[in-house]
Each structure stands twice: as structure tokens, then as C-alpha cells.
Protein backbone atom coordinates (compact mmCIF):
# COMPACT_ATOMS: atom_id res chain seq x y z
CA MET A 1 24.69 -7.34 13.10
CA ASN A 2 27.13 -5.18 10.48
CA ILE A 3 25.91 -2.64 8.61
CA GLN A 4 27.72 0.33 6.34
CA ILE A 5 26.83 4.02 7.25
CA PRO A 6 27.74 7.20 6.25
CA LYS A 7 30.74 8.51 7.70
CA LYS A 8 29.40 11.39 8.83
CA LEU A 9 26.63 9.90 11.27
CA GLY A 10 29.14 8.00 12.30
CA GLY A 11 31.13 11.06 13.77
CA LEU A 12 27.48 12.11 14.87
CA ILE A 13 26.76 8.79 16.62
CA LYS A 14 30.45 9.35 18.02
CA THR A 15 30.19 12.62 19.41
CA PHE A 16 26.88 11.42 21.62
CA GLN A 17 28.57 8.15 22.88
CA LYS A 18 31.65 11.20 23.76
CA HIS A 19 29.72 12.90 25.88
CA GLY A 20 27.33 10.01 27.56
CA PHE A 21 24.18 9.99 26.08
CA GLU A 22 22.25 6.98 24.34
CA ILE A 23 21.83 7.05 20.60
CA TYR A 24 19.77 4.83 18.43
CA ILE A 25 19.40 4.70 14.62
CA VAL A 26 15.34 3.91 14.23
CA GLY A 27 12.63 4.43 11.18
CA GLY A 28 13.01 3.42 7.92
CA ALA A 29 16.33 3.29 7.68
CA VAL A 30 16.02 -0.22 10.53
CA ARG A 31 13.27 -1.12 8.23
CA ASP A 32 15.12 -0.75 5.00
CA VAL A 33 18.62 -2.41 6.04
CA LEU A 34 16.73 -5.37 7.63
CA MET A 35 14.77 -5.65 4.12
CA GLY A 36 18.33 -5.48 1.75
CA LYS A 37 17.63 -1.96 0.57
CA SER A 38 19.55 1.21 0.32
CA THR A 39 18.57 4.12 2.49
CA TYR A 40 19.01 7.48 2.35
CA ASP A 41 17.06 8.34 5.46
CA TRP A 42 18.70 7.94 8.95
CA ASP A 43 16.71 9.29 11.78
CA LEU A 44 18.35 9.13 15.15
CA THR A 45 16.64 9.04 18.73
CA THR A 46 18.85 10.00 21.75
CA ASN A 47 18.01 10.58 25.67
CA ALA A 48 19.92 14.10 25.07
CA THR A 49 17.71 17.08 25.20
CA PRO A 50 17.58 19.19 22.14
CA GLN A 51 19.43 21.89 24.14
CA GLU A 52 22.20 19.75 24.70
CA THR A 53 22.30 18.29 21.34
CA LEU A 54 22.45 21.63 19.81
CA LYS A 55 25.42 22.25 22.49
CA ILE A 56 27.28 19.38 21.15
CA LEU A 57 26.57 19.80 17.51
CA PRO A 58 27.05 23.38 16.46
CA ASP A 59 25.74 23.20 12.84
CA ALA A 60 22.33 21.59 13.64
CA TYR A 61 19.47 23.38 14.17
CA TYR A 62 16.10 23.28 15.81
CA ASP A 63 12.99 24.86 14.85
CA ASN A 64 9.75 22.64 16.11
CA GLN A 65 8.41 21.45 19.39
CA PHE A 66 8.78 17.94 18.75
CA GLY A 67 12.34 17.24 20.16
CA THR A 68 13.82 17.04 16.39
CA VAL A 69 17.09 18.64 15.82
CA GLY A 70 18.44 18.78 12.12
CA LEU A 71 21.70 18.36 10.55
CA PRO A 72 22.36 18.11 6.85
CA SER A 73 23.78 15.08 5.50
CA GLU A 74 27.04 15.15 3.42
CA VAL A 75 26.26 12.44 1.23
CA GLU A 76 24.43 13.31 -2.25
CA ASN A 77 20.44 12.36 -1.96
CA GLU A 78 20.18 12.05 1.59
CA ARG A 79 18.13 14.62 3.86
CA PRO A 80 19.25 15.76 6.78
CA TYR A 81 19.72 13.30 9.35
CA GLU A 82 16.82 13.81 12.13
CA ILE A 83 17.97 13.58 15.39
CA THR A 84 14.90 13.38 18.22
CA THR A 85 14.83 13.03 22.08
CA PHE A 86 13.07 10.21 23.41
CA ARG A 87 9.64 11.15 23.84
CA THR A 88 6.32 10.46 25.33
CA GLU A 89 3.18 11.77 24.12
CA SER A 90 -0.59 12.68 25.75
CA GLY A 91 -3.94 14.20 24.24
CA TYR A 92 -4.67 14.29 20.58
CA SER A 93 -7.68 16.94 20.48
CA ASP A 94 -7.04 17.66 17.02
CA THR A 95 -6.68 14.11 15.85
CA ARG A 96 -3.01 15.09 14.63
CA HIS A 97 -0.87 16.46 17.41
CA PRO A 98 -0.33 16.07 20.81
CA ASP A 99 -1.27 18.07 23.16
CA LYS A 100 1.53 17.32 25.35
CA ILE A 101 5.15 16.21 24.74
CA SER A 102 7.42 15.28 27.50
CA TRP A 103 11.03 14.15 26.95
CA GLY A 104 11.02 10.55 27.88
CA LYS A 105 14.13 8.62 29.78
CA THR A 106 14.26 5.23 28.16
CA LEU A 107 14.05 3.92 24.16
CA MET A 108 11.22 1.85 24.83
CA LYS A 109 8.91 4.05 25.90
CA ASP A 110 9.81 6.04 23.18
CA LEU A 111 9.36 2.58 20.65
CA ALA A 112 6.02 2.70 22.57
CA ARG A 113 4.56 5.49 20.68
CA ARG A 114 5.27 4.63 17.23
CA GLU A 115 2.50 3.71 14.88
CA ALA A 116 3.51 0.32 13.70
CA THR A 117 5.73 -2.84 14.69
CA ILE A 118 8.01 -2.22 11.67
CA SER A 119 8.61 1.30 12.42
CA ALA A 120 8.88 0.74 16.47
CA MET A 121 12.64 -1.03 16.01
CA ALA A 122 16.09 0.51 17.05
CA PHE A 123 20.01 0.02 16.24
CA LYS A 124 22.08 0.19 18.94
CA ILE A 125 25.66 1.05 17.96
CA VAL A 126 27.73 -0.90 19.84
CA GLY A 127 30.78 -0.89 17.05
CA LEU A 128 32.32 1.88 14.77
CA GLY A 129 34.90 2.01 11.86
CA LYS A 130 38.16 -0.40 11.20
CA SER A 131 37.56 -2.72 13.97
CA VAL A 132 34.32 -4.04 12.68
CA ALA A 133 34.17 -6.52 9.93
CA LYS A 134 33.55 -5.24 6.57
CA LYS A 135 30.56 -7.45 5.74
CA THR A 136 27.03 -6.21 5.41
CA ILE A 137 23.86 -6.91 4.67
CA ARG A 138 22.87 -3.10 3.30
CA LYS A 139 23.71 -3.41 -0.74
CA ARG A 140 24.28 -0.16 -2.44
CA THR A 141 25.97 -0.19 -5.89
CA SER A 142 28.89 -2.03 -4.40
CA SER A 143 30.33 -3.48 -1.09
CA THR A 144 33.54 -2.49 -1.13
CA LYS A 145 35.01 0.06 0.77
CA ASP A 146 37.32 1.97 -2.03
CA GLU A 147 34.06 2.30 -4.19
CA HIS A 148 32.26 3.93 -0.89
CA PRO A 149 35.15 6.51 0.56
CA ASP A 150 32.03 7.87 2.37
CA PHE A 151 30.72 5.01 4.60
CA ILE A 152 32.46 3.06 7.09
CA PRO A 153 31.12 -0.26 8.67
CA ALA A 154 29.18 -0.40 12.01
CA LEU A 155 28.43 -3.18 14.32
CA VAL A 156 24.24 -2.94 15.13
CA GLU A 157 22.40 -4.81 17.85
CA LEU A 158 18.48 -4.82 16.87
CA VAL A 159 16.47 -3.90 19.49
CA ASP A 160 12.91 -5.19 18.50
CA PRO A 161 10.25 -4.92 21.55
CA TYR A 162 7.08 -5.77 19.31
CA ASN A 163 8.68 -8.29 16.60
CA GLY A 164 8.60 -5.94 13.99
CA GLN A 165 11.29 -7.79 12.15
CA GLN A 166 9.06 -10.77 12.08
CA ASP A 167 6.06 -8.57 10.49
CA LEU A 168 8.66 -7.41 8.01
CA LYS A 169 9.70 -11.30 7.02
CA ASP A 170 5.66 -11.88 7.08
CA LYS A 171 4.80 -8.55 4.91
CA ILE A 172 2.24 -7.72 7.42
CA PHE A 173 2.06 -3.70 8.31
CA ARG A 174 0.73 -4.44 12.12
CA ALA A 175 0.12 -1.13 14.62
CA VAL A 176 1.70 -1.15 17.92
CA GLY A 177 -0.89 -1.44 20.50
CA ASP A 178 -4.53 -0.79 20.53
CA PRO A 179 -5.13 0.38 16.83
CA ASP A 180 -8.29 2.34 17.84
CA GLU A 181 -6.50 4.50 19.80
CA ARG A 182 -3.43 5.07 17.70
CA TYR A 183 -5.66 6.30 15.09
CA ARG A 184 -7.58 8.64 17.49
CA GLU A 185 -4.14 9.81 18.33
CA ASP A 186 -3.31 10.60 15.04
CA ALA A 187 -5.90 10.11 11.99
CA LEU A 188 -3.14 10.44 9.37
CA ARG A 189 -1.32 7.53 10.62
CA MET A 190 -4.36 5.36 8.60
CA MET A 191 -3.23 6.74 5.32
CA ARG A 192 0.36 6.10 6.32
CA ALA A 193 -0.78 2.72 6.85
CA ILE A 194 -2.00 1.89 3.58
CA ARG A 195 1.08 3.87 1.99
CA ILE A 196 3.46 1.62 3.67
CA SER A 197 1.70 -1.21 2.72
CA ALA A 198 1.16 -0.06 -0.89
CA GLN A 199 4.58 0.76 -0.92
CA LEU A 200 6.36 -2.62 0.25
CA GLY A 201 3.58 -5.17 -1.11
CA PHE A 202 2.48 -5.49 2.33
CA THR A 203 -1.01 -6.73 4.05
CA ILE A 204 -2.88 -4.90 6.77
CA GLU A 205 -3.06 -6.92 9.83
CA GLU A 206 -6.98 -7.57 10.85
CA LYS A 207 -7.31 -5.69 14.29
CA THR A 208 -5.33 -2.68 12.30
CA PHE A 209 -7.08 -3.07 9.43
CA GLU A 210 -10.45 -2.77 11.64
CA GLY A 211 -9.36 0.40 13.26
CA ILE A 212 -8.95 2.10 10.35
CA LYS A 213 -12.73 1.35 9.18
CA LYS A 214 -13.73 2.35 12.79
CA ASN A 215 -12.16 5.69 12.61
CA ALA A 216 -12.01 6.59 8.88
CA SER A 217 -14.15 9.64 9.09
CA LEU A 218 -11.72 11.28 11.42
CA ILE A 219 -9.72 11.60 8.06
CA ASN A 220 -11.70 14.72 7.66
CA LYS A 221 -9.74 16.60 10.70
CA ILE A 222 -6.49 16.49 8.62
CA ALA A 223 -5.12 19.16 6.68
CA LYS A 224 -6.17 18.53 3.06
CA GLU A 225 -2.28 18.67 1.48
CA ARG A 226 -1.41 16.31 4.37
CA VAL A 227 -4.26 13.78 2.98
CA ARG A 228 -3.13 14.43 -0.49
CA ASP A 229 0.64 14.08 0.21
CA GLU A 230 -0.17 10.59 1.26
CA LEU A 231 -2.73 9.66 -1.46
CA LEU A 232 -0.35 11.05 -4.63
CA LYS A 233 2.55 8.31 -2.38
CA ILE A 234 -0.16 5.51 -2.93
CA PHE A 235 -0.85 6.41 -6.52
CA ALA A 236 3.17 6.43 -7.05
CA SER A 237 4.00 3.22 -5.36
CA PRO A 238 4.67 -0.04 -6.71
CA TYR A 239 1.49 -1.35 -5.64
CA PRO A 240 -1.13 1.53 -6.42
CA TYR A 241 -3.80 -0.82 -7.14
CA GLU A 242 -3.96 -2.70 -3.98
CA GLY A 243 -3.41 0.58 -2.16
CA VAL A 244 -6.52 2.17 -3.78
CA LEU A 245 -8.32 -0.94 -2.85
CA LEU A 246 -7.35 -0.78 0.73
CA PHE A 247 -7.97 2.42 0.37
CA ARG A 248 -11.61 1.38 -0.35
CA ASN A 249 -12.13 -1.48 1.62
CA THR A 250 -11.22 0.98 4.79
CA GLY A 251 -13.81 3.35 4.54
CA LEU A 252 -11.20 6.03 3.04
CA LEU A 253 -11.77 6.30 -0.54
CA LYS A 254 -15.97 7.05 0.66
CA GLU A 255 -14.51 9.94 3.01
CA ILE A 256 -11.54 11.69 0.47
CA ILE A 257 -13.04 10.89 -3.23
CA PRO A 258 -16.77 10.20 -2.65
CA GLU A 259 -17.38 10.82 -6.56
CA MET A 260 -15.23 7.60 -6.55
CA GLU A 261 -17.05 5.48 -3.97
CA ALA A 262 -20.32 6.06 -5.87
CA ALA A 263 -18.83 4.40 -8.97
CA PHE A 264 -19.06 1.22 -7.49
CA GLY A 265 -22.22 -0.65 -8.38
CA VAL A 266 -22.72 1.59 -11.65
CA GLN A 267 -23.09 -1.14 -13.77
CA GLN A 268 -21.88 -0.77 -17.47
CA LYS A 269 -22.57 -4.25 -19.39
CA SER A 270 -25.84 -4.05 -21.60
CA PRO A 271 -26.88 -5.37 -25.11
CA GLY A 272 -24.05 -4.41 -27.49
CA ARG A 273 -21.59 -2.64 -24.80
CA HIS A 274 -18.21 -4.31 -24.38
CA HIS A 275 -17.66 -3.67 -20.50
CA ILE A 276 -17.60 -6.44 -18.24
CA TYR A 277 -17.26 -4.44 -15.06
CA ASP A 278 -18.91 -1.71 -13.23
CA VAL A 279 -17.84 1.60 -13.28
CA GLY A 280 -15.94 1.76 -9.94
CA ILE A 281 -14.64 -1.79 -10.74
CA HIS A 282 -13.35 -0.77 -13.94
CA SER A 283 -11.62 2.80 -12.72
CA LEU A 284 -9.80 0.07 -10.34
CA MET A 285 -8.35 -2.50 -13.34
CA SER A 286 -7.89 0.53 -15.51
CA LEU A 287 -5.56 1.59 -12.79
CA LYS A 288 -3.72 -1.93 -12.64
CA HIS A 289 -3.27 -2.20 -16.10
CA CYS A 290 -2.17 2.02 -16.67
CA PRO A 291 1.78 1.78 -17.62
CA SER A 292 2.93 4.77 -16.25
CA LYS A 293 4.53 5.23 -13.00
CA ASP A 294 3.41 9.36 -12.70
CA PRO A 295 1.15 9.35 -9.71
CA ILE A 296 -1.06 12.35 -11.60
CA VAL A 297 -1.43 10.33 -14.83
CA ARG A 298 -2.56 6.87 -12.78
CA PHE A 299 -4.97 9.29 -10.90
CA ALA A 300 -6.35 10.74 -13.92
CA THR A 301 -6.77 6.97 -15.03
CA PHE A 302 -8.67 5.73 -11.77
CA ILE A 303 -10.91 9.26 -12.17
CA HIS A 304 -11.27 9.19 -15.67
CA ASP A 305 -14.93 7.71 -15.71
CA SER A 306 -16.14 9.16 -12.56
CA GLY A 307 -18.55 11.30 -14.45
CA LYS A 308 -20.58 7.97 -15.54
CA VAL A 309 -22.27 8.15 -11.80
CA GLN A 310 -24.54 11.39 -12.88
CA THR A 311 -24.74 10.74 -16.77
CA TYR A 312 -26.19 7.11 -16.76
CA LYS A 313 -28.93 6.65 -18.09
CA ILE A 314 -30.95 3.29 -19.68
CA ASP A 315 -33.45 2.75 -22.52
CA LYS A 316 -36.36 0.81 -23.26
CA SER A 317 -34.20 -1.62 -25.19
CA GLY A 318 -32.12 -2.33 -21.93
CA THR A 319 -29.01 -0.09 -23.15
CA ILE A 320 -26.85 1.70 -20.97
CA THR A 321 -25.51 5.25 -21.87
CA PHE A 322 -23.30 7.84 -20.16
CA TYR A 323 -23.61 10.51 -22.71
CA ASN A 324 -21.04 13.48 -22.17
CA HIS A 325 -19.51 11.59 -19.25
CA GLU A 326 -16.33 13.29 -19.97
CA LEU A 327 -17.51 16.35 -19.38
CA VAL A 328 -18.81 15.56 -16.33
CA SER A 329 -16.07 13.42 -15.57
CA THR A 330 -13.55 16.77 -15.74
CA ASN A 331 -15.79 18.82 -13.52
CA ASN A 332 -15.40 16.26 -11.20
CA ALA A 333 -11.54 16.12 -10.94
CA TYR A 334 -11.65 19.86 -10.96
CA GLU A 335 -13.52 19.91 -7.88
CA ILE A 336 -11.60 16.86 -6.44
CA ALA A 337 -8.14 18.69 -7.11
CA LYS A 338 -9.45 21.96 -5.94
CA ARG A 339 -10.33 19.99 -2.56
CA LEU A 340 -7.10 18.11 -2.34
CA ARG A 341 -5.00 21.12 -3.08
CA PHE A 342 -3.41 19.86 -5.97
CA SER A 343 -1.12 22.38 -7.53
CA ASN A 344 -1.89 24.20 -10.54
CA LYS A 345 0.21 22.15 -12.87
CA ASP A 346 -0.81 19.37 -11.33
CA THR A 347 -4.83 20.11 -12.04
CA GLY A 348 -4.11 21.32 -15.57
CA LYS A 349 -2.44 18.05 -16.15
CA LEU A 350 -5.42 16.02 -14.01
CA ILE A 351 -7.90 17.74 -16.47
CA LYS A 352 -6.78 17.61 -20.12
CA LEU A 353 -6.00 14.22 -19.37
CA VAL A 354 -9.64 13.48 -18.29
CA ARG A 355 -11.11 15.49 -20.40
CA TRP A 356 -10.05 14.08 -23.73
CA HIS A 357 -9.98 10.59 -22.62
CA GLN A 358 -12.31 9.95 -25.23
CA PHE A 359 -10.26 10.86 -28.16
CA THR A 360 -11.06 9.16 -31.38
CA VAL A 361 -8.57 6.50 -32.68
CA ASP A 362 -9.54 5.93 -36.25
CA GLU A 363 -7.38 5.16 -39.56
CA ARG A 364 -9.54 7.80 -41.40
CA GLN A 365 -8.60 10.82 -39.32
CA THR A 366 -7.14 13.55 -41.32
CA ASP A 367 -3.84 14.85 -40.33
CA SER A 368 -5.53 17.76 -39.61
CA ALA A 369 -7.60 15.91 -36.80
CA VAL A 370 -4.63 14.83 -35.34
CA ARG A 371 -3.08 18.16 -35.19
CA ARG A 372 -6.26 19.24 -33.38
CA PHE A 373 -5.95 16.10 -30.71
CA LEU A 374 -2.24 17.35 -30.09
CA ARG A 375 -3.00 20.76 -29.48
CA ASN A 376 -6.43 19.65 -27.26
CA VAL A 377 -4.11 17.69 -24.95
CA GLY A 378 -0.62 19.07 -26.04
CA GLN A 379 2.29 17.38 -26.73
CA GLU A 380 3.81 17.24 -23.55
CA ASN A 381 0.85 15.23 -22.26
CA VAL A 382 0.23 12.78 -25.22
CA ASN A 383 2.20 9.95 -24.09
CA ASP A 384 0.29 10.21 -20.48
CA MET A 385 -3.02 10.45 -22.64
CA LEU A 386 -1.95 6.80 -24.43
CA ASN A 387 -1.13 5.49 -21.11
CA LEU A 388 -4.19 6.07 -20.07
CA ARG A 389 -6.26 4.69 -22.91
CA ILE A 390 -3.98 1.58 -22.69
CA GLY A 391 -5.50 1.28 -18.97
CA ASP A 392 -8.72 2.33 -19.93
CA ARG A 393 -8.88 -0.64 -22.72
CA LEU A 394 -6.96 -3.62 -20.75
CA GLY A 395 -9.32 -2.26 -17.57
CA GLY A 396 -12.30 -2.68 -19.69
CA GLY A 397 -11.18 -6.60 -20.42
CA ALA A 398 -10.02 -5.47 -23.84
CA THR A 399 -7.11 -8.07 -25.24
CA GLU A 400 -3.49 -6.75 -25.04
CA THR A 401 -3.11 -5.38 -28.25
CA SER A 402 -4.88 -2.94 -30.57
CA TRP A 403 -3.90 -2.17 -34.12
CA ARG A 404 -6.14 0.75 -34.58
CA LEU A 405 -3.65 2.30 -31.04
CA GLU A 406 -0.41 1.40 -32.64
CA GLU A 407 -1.29 2.95 -35.74
CA PHE A 408 -2.91 6.04 -34.10
CA LYS A 409 0.56 6.20 -32.04
CA GLN A 410 2.78 5.94 -35.71
CA ARG A 411 0.29 8.80 -37.19
CA LEU A 412 1.18 11.02 -33.96
CA ILE A 413 4.94 10.73 -34.81
CA ASP A 414 4.41 11.00 -38.53
CA VAL A 415 2.15 14.60 -37.94
CA GLN A 416 4.65 15.38 -35.42
CA LYS A 417 7.44 15.28 -37.82
CA GLN A 418 5.75 17.25 -40.23
CA PRO A 419 6.72 21.36 -40.45
CA PHE A 420 5.18 24.00 -38.69
CA THR A 421 2.28 25.61 -40.82
CA VAL A 422 -0.67 28.08 -40.26
CA LEU A 423 -3.10 25.05 -39.29
CA ASP A 424 -0.58 24.56 -36.00
CA LEU A 425 -1.58 28.27 -34.40
CA LYS A 426 -3.55 28.60 -31.49
CA VAL A 427 -6.18 30.41 -33.00
CA ASP A 428 -8.43 30.01 -36.25
CA GLY A 429 -10.44 31.86 -38.86
CA ASN A 430 -13.34 31.96 -36.56
CA ASP A 431 -11.11 34.12 -34.30
CA VAL A 432 -9.90 36.49 -36.93
CA MET A 433 -13.00 37.32 -38.01
CA LYS A 434 -14.68 37.58 -34.39
CA ILE A 435 -11.75 40.04 -32.81
CA LEU A 436 -11.23 42.25 -36.26
CA ASN A 437 -15.29 42.06 -36.81
CA ILE A 438 -14.33 41.31 -40.43
CA LYS A 439 -16.50 38.91 -42.77
CA PRO A 440 -14.87 35.45 -44.25
CA GLY A 441 -12.56 36.19 -47.35
CA PRO A 442 -9.01 36.08 -48.30
CA GLU A 443 -8.20 38.83 -46.11
CA VAL A 444 -8.59 36.22 -43.48
CA GLY A 445 -5.88 33.97 -44.30
CA LYS A 446 -3.47 36.88 -45.07
CA ILE A 447 -4.12 37.56 -41.30
CA LEU A 448 -3.53 33.90 -40.22
CA THR A 449 -0.06 34.34 -42.79
CA ARG A 450 1.33 37.40 -40.52
CA LEU A 451 0.43 35.61 -37.57
CA PHE A 452 2.32 32.39 -38.72
CA GLU A 453 5.18 34.48 -39.73
CA LYS A 454 5.48 36.43 -36.21
CA VAL A 455 5.42 33.04 -34.61
CA VAL A 456 7.73 31.37 -36.87
CA LYS A 457 10.46 34.20 -36.34
CA LYS A 458 9.76 33.90 -32.32
CA GLU A 459 8.49 37.77 -31.89
CA ILE A 460 5.34 36.51 -30.39
CA GLU A 461 4.45 33.01 -28.78
CA ASN A 462 2.18 30.38 -30.41
CA THR A 463 -0.65 30.78 -27.22
CA LYS A 464 -4.25 32.12 -27.37
CA GLU A 465 -3.70 34.71 -25.08
CA ASP A 466 -0.77 36.01 -27.29
CA LEU A 467 -2.00 35.97 -30.56
CA HIS A 468 -5.28 37.35 -29.37
CA LYS A 469 -3.48 40.43 -28.00
CA GLU A 470 -1.37 40.46 -31.18
CA LEU A 471 -4.89 40.42 -33.33
CA ARG A 472 -6.32 43.11 -31.24
CA SER A 473 -3.29 45.56 -31.88
CA MET A 474 -3.97 45.20 -35.98
CA THR A 475 -5.53 47.67 -38.18
CA ILE A 476 -7.24 46.77 -40.93
């Protein structure tokens, strides 16, 4: 098989071969090549120990106990090359890291420790450079050498002891060996199984699926930051709906986001109500129809109605209500983000989207009401808020288009084009009267005008904090 690899990678491989070491391309690069995709993720495995690798690669670095040596790439967007010594692992007392690592002697033993058949393949390099035919199955922007001076042809043989290539063709994610054992060794592998399946559009093989279900509770032993990272990759994937469905059906949703597991079975359909799904299914369908590719927007779309679980009520007529569910959902969103160690930026965005998802769309709204919406949501979040609303509507069985929503979009555009006025200040007359302890009257308007002029001149920022500070410094 002929492929194209970075020149520096080719030189690195030659260096190992020159010193008598075995070296193979492994991991995601093999999978990408076999699927005809571009790859920027080159991992290697060798029988050289880390110390031997550092000796022949003076620019490399080694700062871990897992036998992985790093070497910076010279190709744009490519992460550093990772060169790992053949190894075997044993004992996983923390359900994440091996208690004992031994340097292995053979590639086969190294591949046996990997989590999935589609990851337990390797390319043996049997030829490099001009002597290799130019034909390649790996396509980048173009396949011609002149347009890719940083790449060289390589002749490789596939090493595939677990039939990973066939699983790739069949779009199946299958654990290597006993799934139960794999997931007891490293519980994060369960999240990765779903993440990879969501990224590639794969189904999870039955025994592997059952292995995840059996060990789902072990995910609680994994650092929340690691769980969060895998979770957001699922939401950022090409198949987030399918990924979250797997997430639920394996029992992982119940362990990680119990607030959403509780939403399944909470009915919404009642006399005069348009909903055709329960809260959980509606949340999934909203995610499916959300047009945004931003994982935080998708996540907000999925959890936006979580508060309906706590606010569910049914009256004597059989009508179901969820009064103030958006407020409870906002609190849930905060607790989920805190528990999963979301960044402050992502938490802030998540909370705003959930808090204001019930915004009113009415042609009778005044410009002031539209400006108030913009202030509440933040102009930077307006498109995301609209995308959540689109998912919310379609996820409830609504028609594809909404003339009211389209009209509201135009109103937003028109209002944002209007000049900045006193009404756009982050404070109002109530703030002025409270801070300065004055009564209603013309003086309130004059003070707001003074604040407005300072903001226009960029002497102060249009934030509540700065405006309140300026008010406190005023003398009447």
C-alpha cells in the first residue's frame, strides 16, 4: 500500500531503522488512511526504550512514565509526533492508569493492550522516498508531489491481528479481547468508545455495548475534566444525537448527568399543548435539529428543559404545566457545569442560553423589548440563542419554518443597526435613584445622559460594574 507521510516523519523512521530498531505507524493515522481521510495525528511505536529513543533523537523530549517520547512536527496543524515503546500493562487499581508498565518486545503484545480493533492496527514501513510509487490512498488538498513538498511517498504493509480493517468497513466499534476487562482497566475507554462512534458514525458491537452497560458506574472514578472533554467531543461530533442516545442507552447519562436521565418519561402532552414527546425525547430531538455545530450550544439545547422535571404539575383538567422551568433549568445548568469543571467562559454562555431560551417572539414587541432581549442574551450569543430555539421548535414536532421567528431575526438586525442610545445603557433610572438616593424627576434623565456621553467617549465601559462605580463617584 502506498501512502504519503511528512518528510520529517520519514526521516525519523529512517533514523530508527538505521539504528536497528523496529518502528511502526499506529493509532488514528492508520484508521484515517484506511478511511481515505487526511490525518494530522501521527503516532509511532518502537522496540527502542525511551532512553534509546532520546539518544538517537536529540530534539525529542520525555516527561511521563508511559514510555511516550515527543518530537515537534514541522507541518502546519500537526501535533507533535508521539513515539511509544512497545509495552504491556497490568493492574488498574484506580480504574484509569496501569499500576505496572513493562517494556514489551513485540508489536503484537503492544497491539493487544489497545482498546478497540480499529485502533489495534499498524503500518510496517517497507519503503520510503523516490523508489516508492506515487499512488496514494490518502488525499489531502491534492495528491501531487509539487503541491506537497513537505510529504514523501511511503510503501507500507498493514498489520491487523484483530480484523480492524473489516470493522472499519462495517462501521463497527469493537473492543479488543474481553470488553468487561478493557473497561475495568480504564473506565474512560467507555466514553471514548461512544465518542469515536459519534465521530465516525459507527455502531457499537453488542458485547462491547454490554461491557459498557455493566461497568457504567465506574465512570465516577474518572477525573471530571477528562469526562467533560470526552463529553464535549461527543457534542462536537458529526453525530451528536446518536452519540447522546448511546450515552443514555449504556447507562452513562444516568451516572454523569442524572438531571437529564430523569427527564425521560416526564410527559408533556396534554389538552392544548403542542408537545408530542416526553421531556427527555424532546431534548434529544432538539439536539438532533439544532443547526449549530458549537458543542456548548448543542449541550445547552440538550439540557435547556431539564427543570421541567422539578416543575411538572398537572391540574384537574389534565393540563400539564412547567411554570418557571427555565429558572430551575438555569440552576441545573450551573450545577452540571460546576460538576464537570466547565470553564468560566463556557459556563457563562451555557447559563445565558438556558436562562433566556423562553424569549418571546411577537410582532407587537417594541424596539425597547428587542433591545432588552439583546442585553439579556448578549449580542455575541444571539445567533446561538436562535439556533437553540430552532432546535427546540423542531424537536417538539413543529414545522420547518416559522414566519414569526424569521420576522424576529429581521427585527434583531434592524434594531442592532439603530444608533446607540441612552436606552442601551446597562443601567436605568432605578439604578440611578437607588445608588444616589434621589427621587424620580428630570435629574434622573440628566444623570443617565451624562453616563451615556461618557460611554460614547469611551471614558467608561458600558457594564453595570463600571456604571455603578461612576454613579457612586457622582455628587448631586
